[in-house]
Amino acid sequence: MSSRHRLLLVDDSVESLELLASQLTDKYQISTASSLSEAREKLAHDRYHIAFVDLVLPGENGLDLIREIAKEHPFTAVIAISGQASIETAVEAMKLGASEFIVKPIRNLELIQILVDKILQTQWLVAENRRLNAMIHKELDTNLVIGNSEAVQT
């Protein structure tokens, strides 16, 4: 697997996919999907650090994918995007696990980069915290046995 972070872009708009990909492709490994079924297929075969999910797809609801990602891919952060969603839908996306919500059309591409960097930094901090906690617990577990016998000392 590439050392670059992997991002999945899910949107039925070719223009939106191209715009996001053009902003992110230099720094990240990008995969795109134009439907929920295509996104599910990609998620089944690859691990992604972040998924951008359009909430309104023809005949499909991006909220379903956000729910599935939260349940089946808990280490994949979600950025919900939509040009048609209501505030209620945005709130629902956040309740289901989206880290951020972006309204289309996307006008500030620099903001996208900032959001991605922030999410990746948070993911790194969480992983580092888990690693350090595991080290501490392992160290504590091995130091709990006290004694002078040869069996305890080895």
Protein backbone atom coordinates (compact mmCIF):
# COMPACT_ATOMS: atom_id res chain seq x y z
CA MET A 1 0.00 0.00 0.00
CA SER A 2 1.18 3.48 -0.75
CA SER A 3 2.56 5.55 2.10
CA ARG A 4 0.27 8.37 1.04
CA HIS A 5 -3.08 8.74 2.74
CA ARG A 6 -6.02 7.31 0.80
CA LEU A 7 -9.15 9.35 0.13
CA LEU A 8 -12.41 8.18 -1.41
CA LEU A 9 -14.55 10.75 -3.23
CA VAL A 10 -18.20 9.77 -3.73
CA ASP A 11 -20.26 12.10 -5.91
CA ASP A 12 -22.46 11.72 -8.99
CA SER A 13 -21.16 15.03 -10.36
CA VAL A 14 -18.11 14.53 -12.57
CA GLU A 15 -17.27 18.21 -12.10
CA SER A 16 -17.24 17.91 -8.30
CA LEU A 17 -15.12 14.76 -8.44
CA GLU A 18 -12.62 16.42 -10.80
CA LEU A 19 -12.48 19.60 -8.69
CA LEU A 20 -11.81 17.73 -5.45
CA ALA A 21 -9.38 15.32 -7.08
CA SER A 22 -7.41 18.15 -8.69
CA GLN A 23 -7.00 19.81 -5.29
CA LEU A 24 -5.99 16.64 -3.44
CA THR A 25 -4.23 14.36 -5.91
CA ASP A 26 -0.74 15.83 -5.42
CA LYS A 27 -0.71 14.95 -1.71
CA TYR A 28 -3.04 11.98 -1.41
CA GLN A 29 -3.97 8.80 -3.20
CA ILE A 30 -7.46 9.43 -4.61
CA SER A 31 -10.20 6.97 -5.60
CA THR A 32 -13.54 8.12 -6.96
CA ALA A 33 -17.02 6.61 -7.07
CA SER A 34 -20.14 8.00 -8.70
CA SER A 35 -22.65 5.76 -6.89
CA LEU A 36 -23.13 4.11 -3.52
CA SER A 37 -22.64 0.65 -5.00
CA GLU A 38 -19.32 1.68 -6.54
CA ALA A 39 -18.28 3.27 -3.22
CA ARG A 40 -19.22 0.10 -1.31
CA GLU A 41 -17.14 -1.97 -3.71
CA LYS A 42 -14.10 0.27 -3.21
CA LEU A 43 -14.54 0.28 0.58
CA ALA A 44 -14.69 -3.53 0.56
CA HIS A 45 -11.32 -3.79 -1.18
CA ASP A 46 -9.29 -0.86 0.16
CA ARG A 47 -8.80 1.05 3.39
CA TYR A 48 -9.44 4.79 3.24
CA HIS A 49 -8.46 7.47 5.73
CA ILE A 50 -11.22 9.86 4.61
CA ALA A 51 -14.35 9.50 2.49
CA PHE A 52 -16.06 12.54 0.96
CA VAL A 53 -19.72 11.52 0.60
CA ASP A 54 -22.31 13.46 -1.40
CA LEU A 55 -25.60 13.20 0.46
CA VAL A 56 -27.84 13.47 -2.60
CA LEU A 57 -27.21 10.92 -5.34
CA PRO A 58 -29.74 9.92 -8.02
CA GLY A 59 -32.11 7.45 -6.37
CA GLU A 60 -29.74 6.98 -3.43
CA ASN A 61 -29.11 8.53 -0.05
CA GLY A 62 -25.55 9.30 1.02
CA LEU A 63 -26.65 9.07 4.66
CA ASP A 64 -26.90 5.29 4.18
CA LEU A 65 -23.24 5.17 3.19
CA ILE A 66 -22.21 7.35 6.14
CA ARG A 67 -24.05 4.97 8.47
CA GLU A 68 -22.29 1.97 6.87
CA ILE A 69 -18.86 3.57 7.04
CA ALA A 70 -19.32 4.40 10.73
CA LYS A 71 -20.29 0.79 11.44
CA GLU A 72 -18.02 -1.19 9.11
CA HIS A 73 -15.03 1.16 8.65
CA PRO A 74 -14.76 3.07 11.95
CA PHE A 75 -11.27 4.38 11.17
CA THR A 76 -12.46 6.11 7.98
CA ALA A 77 -13.45 9.72 8.64
CA VAL A 78 -16.35 11.12 6.60
CA ILE A 79 -16.76 14.58 5.13
CA ALA A 80 -20.37 15.00 3.99
CA ILE A 81 -20.96 17.25 0.99
CA SER A 82 -24.15 18.45 -0.64
CA GLY A 83 -25.64 21.25 -2.64
CA GLN A 84 -29.23 20.23 -2.00
CA ALA A 85 -29.35 19.01 1.57
CA SER A 86 -31.27 20.79 4.30
CA ILE A 87 -29.90 21.75 7.69
CA GLU A 88 -31.74 18.75 9.12
CA THR A 89 -29.89 16.46 6.71
CA ALA A 90 -26.55 18.05 7.64
CA VAL A 91 -27.30 17.51 11.33
CA GLU A 92 -28.29 13.91 10.62
CA ALA A 93 -25.03 13.34 8.72
CA MET A 94 -23.06 14.63 11.70
CA LYS A 95 -25.05 12.43 14.10
CA LEU A 96 -24.30 9.40 11.92
CA GLY A 97 -20.59 10.09 12.09
CA ALA A 98 -19.57 12.71 9.54
CA SER A 99 -16.65 14.79 10.83
CA GLU A 100 -17.40 17.78 8.63
CA PHE A 101 -20.09 19.10 6.30
CA ILE A 102 -19.33 21.08 3.14
CA VAL A 103 -21.91 22.89 1.01
CA LYS A 104 -21.59 22.72 -2.78
CA PRO A 105 -20.58 24.41 -4.92
CA ILE A 106 -17.17 24.29 -3.31
CA ARG A 107 -15.66 27.73 -3.63
CA ASN A 108 -12.72 27.61 -1.23
CA LEU A 109 -10.44 24.74 -2.21
CA GLU A 110 -7.92 25.77 0.43
CA LEU A 111 -10.56 24.96 3.06
CA ILE A 112 -10.75 21.39 1.74
CA GLN A 113 -7.01 20.97 2.24
CA ILE A 114 -7.23 22.39 5.76
CA LEU A 115 -10.10 20.02 6.69
CA VAL A 116 -8.27 16.99 5.32
CA ASP A 117 -5.06 17.91 7.14
CA LYS A 118 -6.98 18.48 10.39
CA ILE A 119 -8.76 15.13 10.17
CA LEU A 120 -5.54 13.25 9.33
CA GLN A 121 -3.74 14.91 12.23
CA THR A 122 -6.57 13.90 14.58
CA GLN A 123 -6.43 10.32 13.28
CA TRP A 124 -2.68 10.22 13.88
CA LEU A 125 -3.09 11.57 17.43
CA VAL A 126 -5.76 8.98 18.25
CA ALA A 127 -3.60 6.16 16.87
CA GLU A 128 -0.54 7.42 18.76
CA ASN A 129 -2.58 7.65 21.96
CA ARG A 130 -3.73 4.04 21.52
CA ARG A 131 -0.17 2.91 20.87
CA LEU A 132 1.20 4.68 23.94
CA ASN A 133 -1.62 3.38 26.14
CA ALA A 134 -0.91 -0.16 24.96
CA MET A 135 2.78 0.29 25.79
CA ILE A 136 1.97 1.62 29.25
CA HIS A 137 -0.45 -1.23 29.99
CA LYS A 138 2.05 -3.82 28.75
CA GLU A 139 4.78 -2.30 30.92
CA LEU A 140 2.46 -2.26 33.95
CA ASP A 141 1.36 -5.84 33.37
CA THR A 142 4.94 -7.12 33.24
CA ASN A 143 5.95 -5.24 36.40
CA LEU A 144 3.08 -6.43 38.59
CA VAL A 145 4.77 -9.68 39.61
CA ILE A 146 7.12 -9.12 42.53
CA GLY A 147 9.42 -11.74 44.02
CA ASN A 148 12.96 -13.00 44.44
CA SER A 149 12.64 -16.56 43.14
CA GLU A 150 14.49 -17.57 40.00
CA ALA A 151 11.17 -18.11 38.12
CA VAL A 152 9.98 -14.58 38.87
CA GLN A 153 13.29 -12.97 37.97
CA THR A 154 13.41 -14.53 34.47
